[in-house]
Amino acid sequence: MQYLLFLTLLAVGLVAAQSVTVQKPIECVDTALLLRGLSSSDYKENPIWWGTEPGVTLSRYSLFVNEGTKSWTLIQFDEKLACVLGTGESSTQIFKGPKI
């Protein structure tokens, strides 16, 4: 009986752990245009984080935040094209250590 219960729980756990692919529309524009737009008077967002993706030529990510309104924008970009991966409100800094 315990063996059957264990197998049932194991099977349920394996099914629940499967990944899901989600498709959503992504808006892309000229990199310089998007960077100017994010820092303009409309959004006043500044980059607080910058990262690169290993093994991918010229692919960078950056998170822009407006400290006053708490709006944020996450982008992926290269020299020519920038894509908005997500935007939102109510950004909160959870890392309270020294600035990196």
PDB file of N, CA and C in Angstrom:
ATOM      1  N   MET A   1       0.823  -1.189   0.000  1.00  0.00           N
ATOM      2  CA  MET A   1       0.000   0.000   0.000  1.00  0.00           C
ATOM      3  C   MET A   1       0.871   1.257   0.000  1.00  0.00           C
ATOM      4  N   GLN A   2       1.875   1.283   0.871  1.00  0.00           N
ATOM      5  CA  GLN A   2       2.761   2.442   0.920  1.00  0.00           C
ATOM      6  C   GLN A   2       3.530   2.594  -0.395  1.00  0.00           C
ATOM      7  N   TYR A   3       3.887   1.474  -0.998  1.00  0.00           N
ATOM      8  CA  TYR A   3       4.602   1.498  -2.268  1.00  0.00           C
ATOM      9  C   TYR A   3       3.733   2.138  -3.352  1.00  0.00           C
ATOM     10  N   LEU A   4       2.463   1.800  -3.391  1.00  0.00           N
ATOM     11  CA  LEU A   4       1.533   2.356  -4.366  1.00  0.00           C
ATOM     12  C   LEU A   4       1.344   3.852  -4.144  1.00  0.00           C
ATOM     13  N   LEU A   5       1.239   4.270  -2.899  1.00  0.00           N
ATOM     14  CA  LEU A   5       1.112   5.685  -2.568  1.00  0.00           C
ATOM     15  C   LEU A   5       2.355   6.458  -3.010  1.00  0.00           C
ATOM     16  N   PHE A   6       3.532   5.877  -2.763  1.00  0.00           N
ATOM     17  CA  PHE A   6       4.778   6.505  -3.180  1.00  0.00           C
ATOM     18  C   PHE A   6       4.839   6.682  -4.694  1.00  0.00           C
ATOM     19  N   LEU A   7       4.483   5.649  -5.442  1.00  0.00           N
ATOM     20  CA  LEU A   7       4.496   5.736  -6.906  1.00  0.00           C
ATOM     21  C   LEU A   7       3.510   6.774  -7.420  1.00  0.00           C
ATOM     22  N   THR A   8       2.354   6.862  -6.794  1.00  0.00           N
ATOM     23  CA  THR A   8       1.355   7.853  -7.197  1.00  0.00           C
ATOM     24  C   THR A   8       1.871   9.265  -6.957  1.00  0.00           C
ATOM     25  N   LEU A   9       2.446   9.503  -5.786  1.00  0.00           N
ATOM     26  CA  LEU A   9       2.999  10.827  -5.486  1.00  0.00           C
ATOM     27  C   LEU A   9       4.161  11.169  -6.408  1.00  0.00           C
ATOM     28  N   LEU A  10       4.988  10.186  -6.722  1.00  0.00           N
ATOM     29  CA  LEU A  10       6.107  10.404  -7.640  1.00  0.00           C
ATOM     30  C   LEU A  10       5.596  10.779  -9.027  1.00  0.00           C
ATOM     31  N   ALA A  11       4.604  10.086  -9.519  1.00  0.00           N
ATOM     32  CA  ALA A  11       4.047  10.372 -10.844  1.00  0.00           C
ATOM     33  C   ALA A  11       3.424  11.761 -10.890  1.00  0.00           C
ATOM     34  N   VAL A  12       2.693  12.144  -9.861  1.00  0.00           N
ATOM     35  CA  VAL A  12       2.081  13.473  -9.800  1.00  0.00           C
ATOM     36  C   VAL A  12       3.164  14.541  -9.768  1.00  0.00           C
ATOM     37  N   GLY A  13       4.218  14.315  -9.014  1.00  0.00           N
ATOM     38  CA  GLY A  13       5.326  15.265  -8.937  1.00  0.00           C
ATOM     39  C   GLY A  13       6.018  15.446 -10.269  1.00  0.00           C
ATOM     40  N   LEU A  14       6.218  14.370 -11.003  1.00  0.00           N
ATOM     41  CA  LEU A  14       6.870  14.467 -12.308  1.00  0.00           C
ATOM     42  C   LEU A  14       6.012  15.229 -13.309  1.00  0.00           C
ATOM     43  N   VAL A  15       4.720  15.002 -13.288  1.00  0.00           N
ATOM     44  CA  VAL A  15       3.817  15.711 -14.195  1.00  0.00           C
ATOM     45  C   VAL A  15       3.798  17.197 -13.857  1.00  0.00           C
ATOM     46  N   ALA A  16       3.772  17.537 -12.595  1.00  0.00           N
ATOM     47  CA  ALA A  16       3.716  18.938 -12.174  1.00  0.00           C
ATOM     48  C   ALA A  16       5.007  19.683 -12.483  1.00  0.00           C
ATOM     49  N   ALA A  17       6.125  18.994 -12.622  1.00  0.00           N
ATOM     50  CA  ALA A  17       7.419  19.639 -12.827  1.00  0.00           C
ATOM     51  C   ALA A  17       7.724  19.924 -14.292  1.00  0.00           C
ATOM     52  N   GLN A  18       6.865  19.553 -15.219  1.00  0.00           N
ATOM     53  CA  GLN A  18       7.127  19.761 -16.631  1.00  0.00           C
ATOM     54  C   GLN A  18       7.064  21.244 -16.968  1.00  0.00           C
ATOM     55  N   SER A  19       7.931  21.657 -17.894  1.00  0.00           N
ATOM     56  CA  SER A  19       7.973  23.064 -18.280  1.00  0.00           C
ATOM     57  C   SER A  19       6.835  23.403 -19.243  1.00  0.00           C
ATOM     58  N   VAL A  20       6.552  24.679 -19.327  1.00  0.00           N
ATOM     59  CA  VAL A  20       5.498  25.188 -20.200  1.00  0.00           C
ATOM     60  C   VAL A  20       6.103  26.272 -21.081  1.00  0.00           C
ATOM     61  N   THR A  21       5.791  26.269 -22.356  1.00  0.00           N
ATOM     62  CA  THR A  21       6.242  27.306 -23.275  1.00  0.00           C
ATOM     63  C   THR A  21       5.132  28.332 -23.439  1.00  0.00           C
ATOM     64  N   VAL A  22       5.492  29.607 -23.257  1.00  0.00           N
ATOM     65  CA  VAL A  22       4.530  30.689 -23.378  1.00  0.00           C
ATOM     66  C   VAL A  22       4.964  31.592 -24.526  1.00  0.00           C
ATOM     67  N   GLN A  23       4.037  31.979 -25.363  1.00  0.00           N
ATOM     68  CA  GLN A  23       4.327  32.909 -26.439  1.00  0.00           C
ATOM     69  C   GLN A  23       3.619  34.221 -26.151  1.00  0.00           C
ATOM     70  N   LYS A  24       4.369  35.332 -26.287  1.00  0.00           N
ATOM     71  CA  LYS A  24       3.754  36.638 -26.113  1.00  0.00           C
ATOM     72  C   LYS A  24       4.365  37.580 -27.138  1.00  0.00           C
ATOM     73  N   PRO A  25       3.614  38.583 -27.566  1.00  0.00           N
ATOM     74  CA  PRO A  25       4.158  39.523 -28.547  1.00  0.00           C
ATOM     75  C   PRO A  25       5.263  40.377 -27.923  1.00  0.00           C
ATOM     76  N   ILE A  26       6.311  40.612 -28.681  1.00  0.00           N
ATOM     77  CA  ILE A  26       7.445  41.431 -28.250  1.00  0.00           C
ATOM     78  C   ILE A  26       7.585  42.588 -29.231  1.00  0.00           C
ATOM     79  N   GLU A  27       7.658  43.803 -28.719  1.00  0.00           N
ATOM     80  CA  GLU A  27       7.823  44.994 -29.545  1.00  0.00           C
ATOM     81  C   GLU A  27       9.313  45.321 -29.675  1.00  0.00           C
ATOM     82  N   CYS A  28       9.799  45.504 -30.899  1.00  0.00           N
ATOM     83  CA  CYS A  28      11.202  45.831 -31.150  1.00  0.00           C
ATOM     84  C   CYS A  28      11.302  47.082 -32.013  1.00  0.00           C
ATOM     85  N   VAL A  29      12.287  47.929 -31.703  1.00  0.00           N
ATOM     86  CA  VAL A  29      12.540  49.154 -32.459  1.00  0.00           C
ATOM     87  C   VAL A  29      14.051  49.395 -32.512  1.00  0.00           C
ATOM     88  N   ASP A  30      14.445  50.471 -33.158  1.00  0.00           N
ATOM     89  CA  ASP A  30      15.839  50.876 -33.207  1.00  0.00           C
ATOM     90  C   ASP A  30      16.363  51.097 -31.786  1.00  0.00           C
ATOM     91  N   THR A  31      17.545  50.565 -31.483  1.00  0.00           N
ATOM     92  CA  THR A  31      18.108  50.640 -30.126  1.00  0.00           C
ATOM     93  C   THR A  31      18.240  52.075 -29.631  1.00  0.00           C
ATOM     94  N   ALA A  32      18.836  52.949 -30.434  1.00  0.00           N
ATOM     95  CA  ALA A  32      19.038  54.340 -30.009  1.00  0.00           C
ATOM     96  C   ALA A  32      17.704  55.024 -29.723  1.00  0.00           C
ATOM     97  N   LEU A  33      16.699  54.746 -30.545  1.00  0.00           N
ATOM     98  CA  LEU A  33      15.373  55.336 -30.355  1.00  0.00           C
ATOM     99  C   LEU A  33      14.750  54.884 -29.029  1.00  0.00           C
ATOM    100  N   LEU A  34      14.832  53.592 -28.733  1.00  0.00           N
ATOM    101  CA  LEU A  34      14.251  53.091 -27.487  1.00  0.00           C
ATOM    102  C   LEU A  34      14.991  53.640 -26.263  1.00  0.00           C
ATOM    103  N   LEU A  35      16.316  53.666 -26.312  1.00  0.00           N
ATOM    104  CA  LEU A  35      17.084  54.179 -25.173  1.00  0.00           C
ATOM    105  C   LEU A  35      16.776  55.649 -24.911  1.00  0.00           C
ATOM    106  N   ARG A  36      16.643  56.440 -25.976  1.00  0.00           N
ATOM    107  CA  ARG A  36      16.258  57.853 -25.813  1.00  0.00           C
ATOM    108  C   ARG A  36      14.858  57.965 -25.234  1.00  0.00           C
ATOM    109  N   GLY A  37      13.945  57.127 -25.702  1.00  0.00           N
ATOM    110  CA  GLY A  37      12.562  57.175 -25.233  1.00  0.00           C
ATOM    111  C   GLY A  37      12.429  56.829 -23.754  1.00  0.00           C
ATOM    112  N   LEU A  38      13.183  55.844 -23.300  1.00  0.00           N
ATOM    113  CA  LEU A  38      13.100  55.448 -21.887  1.00  0.00           C
ATOM    114  C   LEU A  38      13.617  56.538 -20.958  1.00  0.00           C
ATOM    115  N   SER A  39      14.636  57.276 -21.405  1.00  0.00           N
ATOM    116  CA  SER A  39      15.198  58.326 -20.546  1.00  0.00           C
ATOM    117  C   SER A  39      14.539  59.680 -20.763  1.00  0.00           C
ATOM    118  N   SER A  40      13.594  59.772 -21.700  1.00  0.00           N
ATOM    119  CA  SER A  40      12.930  61.042 -21.995  1.00  0.00           C
ATOM    120  C   SER A  40      12.033  61.481 -20.848  1.00  0.00           C
ATOM    121  N   SER A  41      11.464  62.655 -20.997  1.00  0.00           N
ATOM    122  CA  SER A  41      10.590  63.202 -19.955  1.00  0.00           C
ATOM    123  C   SER A  41       9.310  62.389 -19.784  1.00  0.00           C
ATOM    124  N   ASP A  42       8.946  61.571 -20.771  1.00  0.00           N
ATOM    125  CA  ASP A  42       7.737  60.750 -20.642  1.00  0.00           C
ATOM    126  C   ASP A  42       7.901  59.637 -19.607  1.00  0.00           C
ATOM    127  N   TYR A  43       9.067  58.966 -19.607  1.00  0.00           N
ATOM    128  CA  TYR A  43       9.275  57.823 -18.713  1.00  0.00           C
ATOM    129  C   TYR A  43      10.302  58.088 -17.608  1.00  0.00           C
ATOM    130  N   LYS A  44      11.340  58.826 -17.911  1.00  0.00           N
ATOM    131  CA  LYS A  44      12.412  59.149 -16.959  1.00  0.00           C
ATOM    132  C   LYS A  44      12.970  57.906 -16.266  1.00  0.00           C
ATOM    133  N   GLU A  45      13.127  56.827 -17.038  1.00  0.00           N
ATOM    134  CA  GLU A  45      13.681  55.594 -16.496  1.00  0.00           C
ATOM    135  C   GLU A  45      15.178  55.540 -16.776  1.00  0.00           C
ATOM    136  N   ASN A  46      15.931  55.083 -15.798  1.00  0.00           N
ATOM    137  CA  ASN A  46      17.375  54.967 -15.916  1.00  0.00           C
ATOM    138  C   ASN A  46      17.790  53.520 -15.711  1.00  0.00           C
ATOM    139  N   PRO A  47      18.853  53.080 -16.395  1.00  0.00           N
ATOM    140  CA  PRO A  47      19.286  51.693 -16.229  1.00  0.00           C
ATOM    141  C   PRO A  47      19.865  51.465 -14.833  1.00  0.00           C
ATOM    142  N   ILE A  48      19.403  50.391 -14.178  1.00  0.00           N
ATOM    143  CA  ILE A  48      19.954  50.039 -12.872  1.00  0.00           C
ATOM    144  C   ILE A  48      20.673  48.698 -12.914  1.00  0.00           C
ATOM    145  N   TRP A  49      20.535  47.975 -14.025  1.00  0.00           N
ATOM    146  CA  TRP A  49      21.177  46.670 -14.176  1.00  0.00           C
ATOM    147  C   TRP A  49      21.463  46.436 -15.648  1.00  0.00           C
ATOM    148  N   TRP A  50      22.583  45.767 -15.913  1.00  0.00           N
ATOM    149  CA  TRP A  50      23.008  45.482 -17.281  1.00  0.00           C
ATOM    150  C   TRP A  50      23.639  44.100 -17.281  1.00  0.00           C
ATOM    151  N   GLY A  51      23.286  43.250 -18.216  1.00  0.00           N
ATOM    152  CA  GLY A  51      23.870  41.914 -18.304  1.00  0.00           C
ATOM    153  C   GLY A  51      24.000  41.454 -19.736  1.00  0.00           C
ATOM    154  N   THR A  52      24.876  40.471 -19.938  1.00  0.00           N
ATOM    155  CA  THR A  52      25.055  39.888 -21.265  1.00  0.00           C
ATOM    156  C   THR A  52      24.722  38.403 -21.213  1.00  0.00           C
ATOM    157  N   GLU A  53      24.346  37.865 -22.352  1.00  0.00           N
ATOM    158  CA  GLU A  53      24.009  36.461 -22.456  1.00  0.00           C
ATOM    159  C   GLU A  53      25.217  35.723 -23.020  1.00  0.00           C
ATOM    160  N   PRO A  54      25.772  34.740 -22.303  1.00  0.00           N
ATOM    161  CA  PRO A  54      26.957  34.047 -22.780  1.00  0.00           C
ATOM    162  C   PRO A  54      26.698  33.302 -24.082  1.00  0.00           C
ATOM    163  N   GLY A  55      27.661  33.388 -24.972  1.00  0.00           N
ATOM    164  CA  GLY A  55      27.581  32.654 -26.225  1.00  0.00           C
ATOM    165  C   GLY A  55      26.718  33.287 -27.290  1.00  0.00           C
ATOM    166  N   VAL A  56      26.126  34.433 -27.015  1.00  0.00           N
ATOM    167  CA  VAL A  56      25.282  35.115 -28.001  1.00  0.00           C
ATOM    168  C   VAL A  56      25.936  36.456 -28.322  1.00  0.00           C
ATOM    169  N   THR A  57      26.298  36.646 -29.574  1.00  0.00           N
ATOM    170  CA  THR A  57      26.981  37.857 -29.988  1.00  0.00           C
ATOM    171  C   THR A  57      26.091  39.081 -29.831  1.00  0.00           C
ATOM    172  N   LEU A  58      26.587  40.084 -29.156  1.00  0.00           N
ATOM    173  CA  LEU A  58      25.947  41.390 -29.007  1.00  0.00           C
ATOM    174  C   LEU A  58      24.556  41.367 -28.379  1.00  0.00           C
ATOM    175  N   SER A  59      24.240  40.344 -27.612  1.00  0.00           N
ATOM    176  CA  SER A  59      22.930  40.318 -26.966  1.00  0.00           C
ATOM    177  C   SER A  59      23.087  40.773 -25.521  1.00  0.00           C
ATOM    178  N   ARG A  60      22.437  41.876 -25.209  1.00  0.00           N
ATOM    179  CA  ARG A  60      22.508  42.448 -23.865  1.00  0.00           C
ATOM    180  C   ARG A  60      21.108  42.652 -23.312  1.00  0.00           C
ATOM    181  N   TYR A  61      21.043  42.695 -21.994  1.00  0.00           N
ATOM    182  CA  TYR A  61      19.783  42.941 -21.300  1.00  0.00           C
ATOM    183  C   TYR A  61      19.989  44.118 -20.361  1.00  0.00           C
ATOM    184  N   SER A  62      18.933  44.895 -20.131  1.00  0.00           N
ATOM    185  CA  SER A  62      19.024  45.994 -19.188  1.00  0.00           C
ATOM    186  C   SER A  62      17.652  46.231 -18.555  1.00  0.00           C
ATOM    187  N   LEU A  63      17.688  46.596 -17.278  1.00  0.00           N
ATOM    188  CA  LEU A  63      16.474  46.933 -16.548  1.00  0.00           C
ATOM    189  C   LEU A  63      16.502  48.425 -16.259  1.00  0.00           C
ATOM    190  N   PHE A  64      15.479  49.132 -16.720  1.00  0.00           N
ATOM    191  CA  PHE A  64      15.342  50.574 -16.513  1.00  0.00           C
ATOM    192  C   PHE A  64      14.257  50.806 -15.473  1.00  0.00           C
ATOM    193  N   VAL A  65      14.496  51.745 -14.537  1.00  0.00           N
ATOM    194  CA  VAL A  65      13.539  52.031 -13.475  1.00  0.00           C
ATOM    195  C   VAL A  65      13.429  53.536 -13.263  1.00  0.00           C
ATOM    196  N   ASN A  66      12.215  53.994 -13.020  1.00  0.00           N
ATOM    197  CA  ASN A  66      11.985  55.372 -12.598  1.00  0.00           C
ATOM    198  C   ASN A  66      11.839  55.328 -11.085  1.00  0.00           C
ATOM    199  N   GLU A  67      12.801  55.901 -10.373  1.00  0.00           N
ATOM    200  CA  GLU A  67      12.811  55.842  -8.908  1.00  0.00           C
ATOM    201  C   GLU A  67      11.591  56.537  -8.293  1.00  0.00           C
ATOM    202  N   GLY A  68      11.066  57.562  -8.955  1.00  0.00           N
ATOM    203  CA  GLY A  68       9.921  58.302  -8.416  1.00  0.00           C
ATOM    204  C   GLY A  68       8.599  57.597  -8.608  1.00  0.00           C
ATOM    205  N   THR A  69       8.312  57.171  -9.840  1.00  0.00           N
ATOM    206  CA  THR A  69       7.026  56.535 -10.134  1.00  0.00           C
ATOM    207  C   THR A  69       7.047  55.028  -9.933  1.00  0.00           C
ATOM    208  N   LYS A  70       8.247  54.444  -9.807  1.00  0.00           N
ATOM    209  CA  LYS A  70       8.446  52.995  -9.647  1.00  0.00           C
ATOM    210  C   LYS A  70       8.080  52.204 -10.890  1.00  0.00           C
ATOM    211  N   SER A  71       7.993  52.871 -12.057  1.00  0.00           N
ATOM    212  CA  SER A  71       7.768  52.144 -13.304  1.00  0.00           C
ATOM    213  C   SER A  71       9.072  51.471 -13.711  1.00  0.00           C
ATOM    214  N   TRP A  72       8.974  50.383 -14.494  1.00  0.00           N
ATOM    215  CA  TRP A  72      10.172  49.674 -14.941  1.00  0.00           C
ATOM    216  C   TRP A  72       9.971  49.107 -16.338  1.00  0.00           C
ATOM    217  N   THR A  73      11.099  48.904 -17.050  1.00  0.00           N
ATOM    218  CA  THR A  73      11.103  48.317 -18.383  1.00  0.00           C
ATOM    219  C   THR A  73      12.314  47.409 -18.502  1.00  0.00           C
ATOM    220  N   LEU A  74      12.098  46.169 -18.938  1.00  0.00           N
ATOM    221  CA  LEU A  74      13.181  45.219 -19.174  1.00  0.00           C
ATOM    222  C   LEU A  74      13.348  45.074 -20.676  1.00  0.00           C
ATOM    223  N   ILE A  75      14.586  45.296 -21.176  1.00  0.00           N
ATOM    224  CA  ILE A  75      14.822  45.219 -22.620  1.00  0.00           C
ATOM    225  C   ILE A  75      15.958  44.245 -22.930  1.00  0.00           C
ATOM    226  N   GLN A  76      15.937  43.721 -24.147  1.00  0.00           N
ATOM    227  CA  GLN A  76      17.040  42.959 -24.724  1.00  0.00           C
ATOM    228  C   GLN A  76      17.439  43.710 -25.984  1.00  0.00           C
ATOM    229  N   PHE A  77      18.736  43.899 -26.166  1.00  0.00           N
ATOM    230  CA  PHE A  77      19.148  44.729 -27.298  1.00  0.00           C
ATOM    231  C   PHE A  77      20.534  44.357 -27.802  1.00  0.00           C
ATOM    232  N   ASP A  78      20.827  44.834 -29.009  1.00  0.00           N
ATOM    233  CA  ASP A  78      22.173  44.777 -29.572  1.00  0.00           C
ATOM    234  C   ASP A  78      22.454  46.143 -30.170  1.00  0.00           C
ATOM    235  N   GLU A  79      23.401  46.224 -31.054  1.00  0.00           N
ATOM    236  CA  GLU A  79      23.791  47.511 -31.634  1.00  0.00           C
ATOM    237  C   GLU A  79      22.658  48.175 -32.431  1.00  0.00           C
ATOM    238  N   LYS A  80      21.779  47.371 -33.042  1.00  0.00           N
ATOM    239  CA  LYS A  80      20.783  47.925 -33.954  1.00  0.00           C
ATOM    240  C   LYS A  80      19.344  47.825 -33.455  1.00  0.00           C
ATOM    241  N   LEU A  81      19.005  46.745 -32.784  1.00  0.00           N
ATOM    242  CA  LEU A  81      17.614  46.463 -32.464  1.00  0.00           C
ATOM    243  C   LEU A  81      17.439  46.252 -30.954  1.00  0.00           C
ATOM    244  N   ALA A  82      16.366  46.820 -30.407  1.00  0.00           N
ATOM    245  CA  ALA A  82      16.043  46.652 -28.988  1.00  0.00           C
ATOM    246  C   ALA A  82      14.601  46.185 -28.858  1.00  0.00           C
ATOM    247  N   CYS A  83      14.379  45.206 -27.978  1.00  0.00           N
ATOM    248  CA  CYS A  83      13.049  44.639 -27.782  1.00  0.00           C
ATOM    249  C   CYS A  83      12.639  44.788 -26.321  1.00  0.00           C
ATOM    250  N   VAL A  84      11.398  45.187 -26.108  1.00  0.00           N
ATOM    251  CA  VAL A  84      10.851  45.324 -24.764  1.00  0.00           C
ATOM    252  C   VAL A  84      10.314  43.958 -24.340  1.00  0.00           C
ATOM    253  N   LEU A  85      10.928  43.380 -23.305  1.00  0.00           N
ATOM    254  CA  LEU A  85      10.514  42.069 -22.807  1.00  0.00           C
ATOM    255  C   LEU A  85       9.415  42.170 -21.759  1.00  0.00           C
ATOM    256  N   GLY A  86       9.358  43.312 -21.085  1.00  0.00           N
ATOM    257  CA  GLY A  86       8.320  43.491 -20.076  1.00  0.00           C
ATOM    258  C   GLY A  86       8.337  44.901 -19.523  1.00  0.00           C
ATOM    259  N   THR A  87       7.197  45.349 -19.047  1.00  0.00           N
ATOM    260  CA  THR A  87       7.073  46.654 -18.406  1.00  0.00           C
ATOM    261  C   THR A  87       6.145  46.502 -17.212  1.00  0.00           C
ATOM    262  N   GLY A  88       6.239  47.440 -16.277  1.00  0.00           N
ATOM    263  CA  GLY A  88       5.341  47.347 -15.145  1.00  0.00           C
ATOM    264  C   GLY A  88       5.465  48.528 -14.212  1.00  0.00           C
ATOM    265  N   GLU A  89       4.813  48.398 -13.083  1.00  0.00           N
ATOM    266  CA  GLU A  89       4.788  49.434 -12.052  1.00  0.00           C
ATOM    267  C   GLU A  89       5.177  48.813 -10.719  1.00  0.00           C
ATOM    268  N   SER A  90       5.335  49.645  -9.736  1.00  0.00           N
ATOM    269  CA  SER A  90       5.603  49.211  -8.364  1.00  0.00           C
ATOM    270  C   SER A  90       6.896  48.415  -8.224  1.00  0.00           C
ATOM    271  N   SER A  91       7.963  48.865  -8.888  1.00  0.00           N
ATOM    272  CA  SER A  91       9.240  48.170  -8.720  1.00  0.00           C
ATOM    273  C   SER A  91       9.726  48.339  -7.287  1.00  0.00           C
ATOM    274  N   THR A  92      10.338  47.296  -6.768  1.00  0.00           N
ATOM    275  CA  THR A  92      10.851  47.308  -5.400  1.00  0.00           C
ATOM    276  C   THR A  92      12.242  46.702  -5.409  1.00  0.00           C
ATOM    277  N   GLN A  93      13.178  47.391  -4.816  1.00  0.00           N
ATOM    278  CA  GLN A  93      14.537  46.854  -4.703  1.00  0.00           C
ATOM    279  C   GLN A  93      14.568  45.902  -3.532  1.00  0.00           C
ATOM    280  N   ILE A  94      14.889  44.636  -3.800  1.00  0.00           N
ATOM    281  CA  ILE A  94      14.916  43.649  -2.730  1.00  0.00           C
ATOM    282  C   ILE A  94      16.337  43.399  -2.224  1.00  0.00           C
ATOM    283  N   PHE A  95      17.340  43.794  -3.003  1.00  0.00           N
ATOM    284  CA  PHE A  95      18.730  43.628  -2.578  1.00  0.00           C
ATOM    285  C   PHE A  95      19.116  44.862  -1.764  1.00  0.00           C
ATOM    286  N   LYS A  96      19.376  44.676  -0.508  1.00  0.00           N
ATOM    287  CA  LYS A  96      19.679  45.798   0.392  1.00  0.00           C
ATOM    288  C   LYS A  96      21.161  45.931   0.697  1.00  0.00           C
ATOM    289  N   GLY A  97      21.990  45.132   0.034  1.00  0.00           N
ATOM    290  CA  GLY A  97      23.435  45.185   0.273  1.00  0.00           C
ATOM    291  C   GLY A  97      24.088  46.361  -0.443  1.00  0.00           C
ATOM    292  N   PRO A  98      25.403  46.344  -0.534  1.00  0.00           N
ATOM    293  CA  PRO A  98      26.103  47.437  -1.208  1.00  0.00           C
ATOM    294  C   PRO A  98      25.770  47.493  -2.689  1.00  0.00           C
ATOM    295  N   LYS A  99      25.828  48.674  -3.260  1.00  0.00           N
ATOM    296  CA  LYS A  99      25.574  48.839  -4.693  1.00  0.00           C
ATOM    297  C   LYS A  99      26.610  48.030  -5.467  1.00  0.00           C
ATOM    298  N   ILE A 100      26.157  47.355  -6.519  1.00  0.00           N
ATOM    299  CA  ILE A 100      27.068  46.572  -7.351  1.00  0.00           C
ATOM    300  C   ILE A 100      27.244  47.217  -8.696  1.00  0.00           C
TER     301      ILE A 100
END
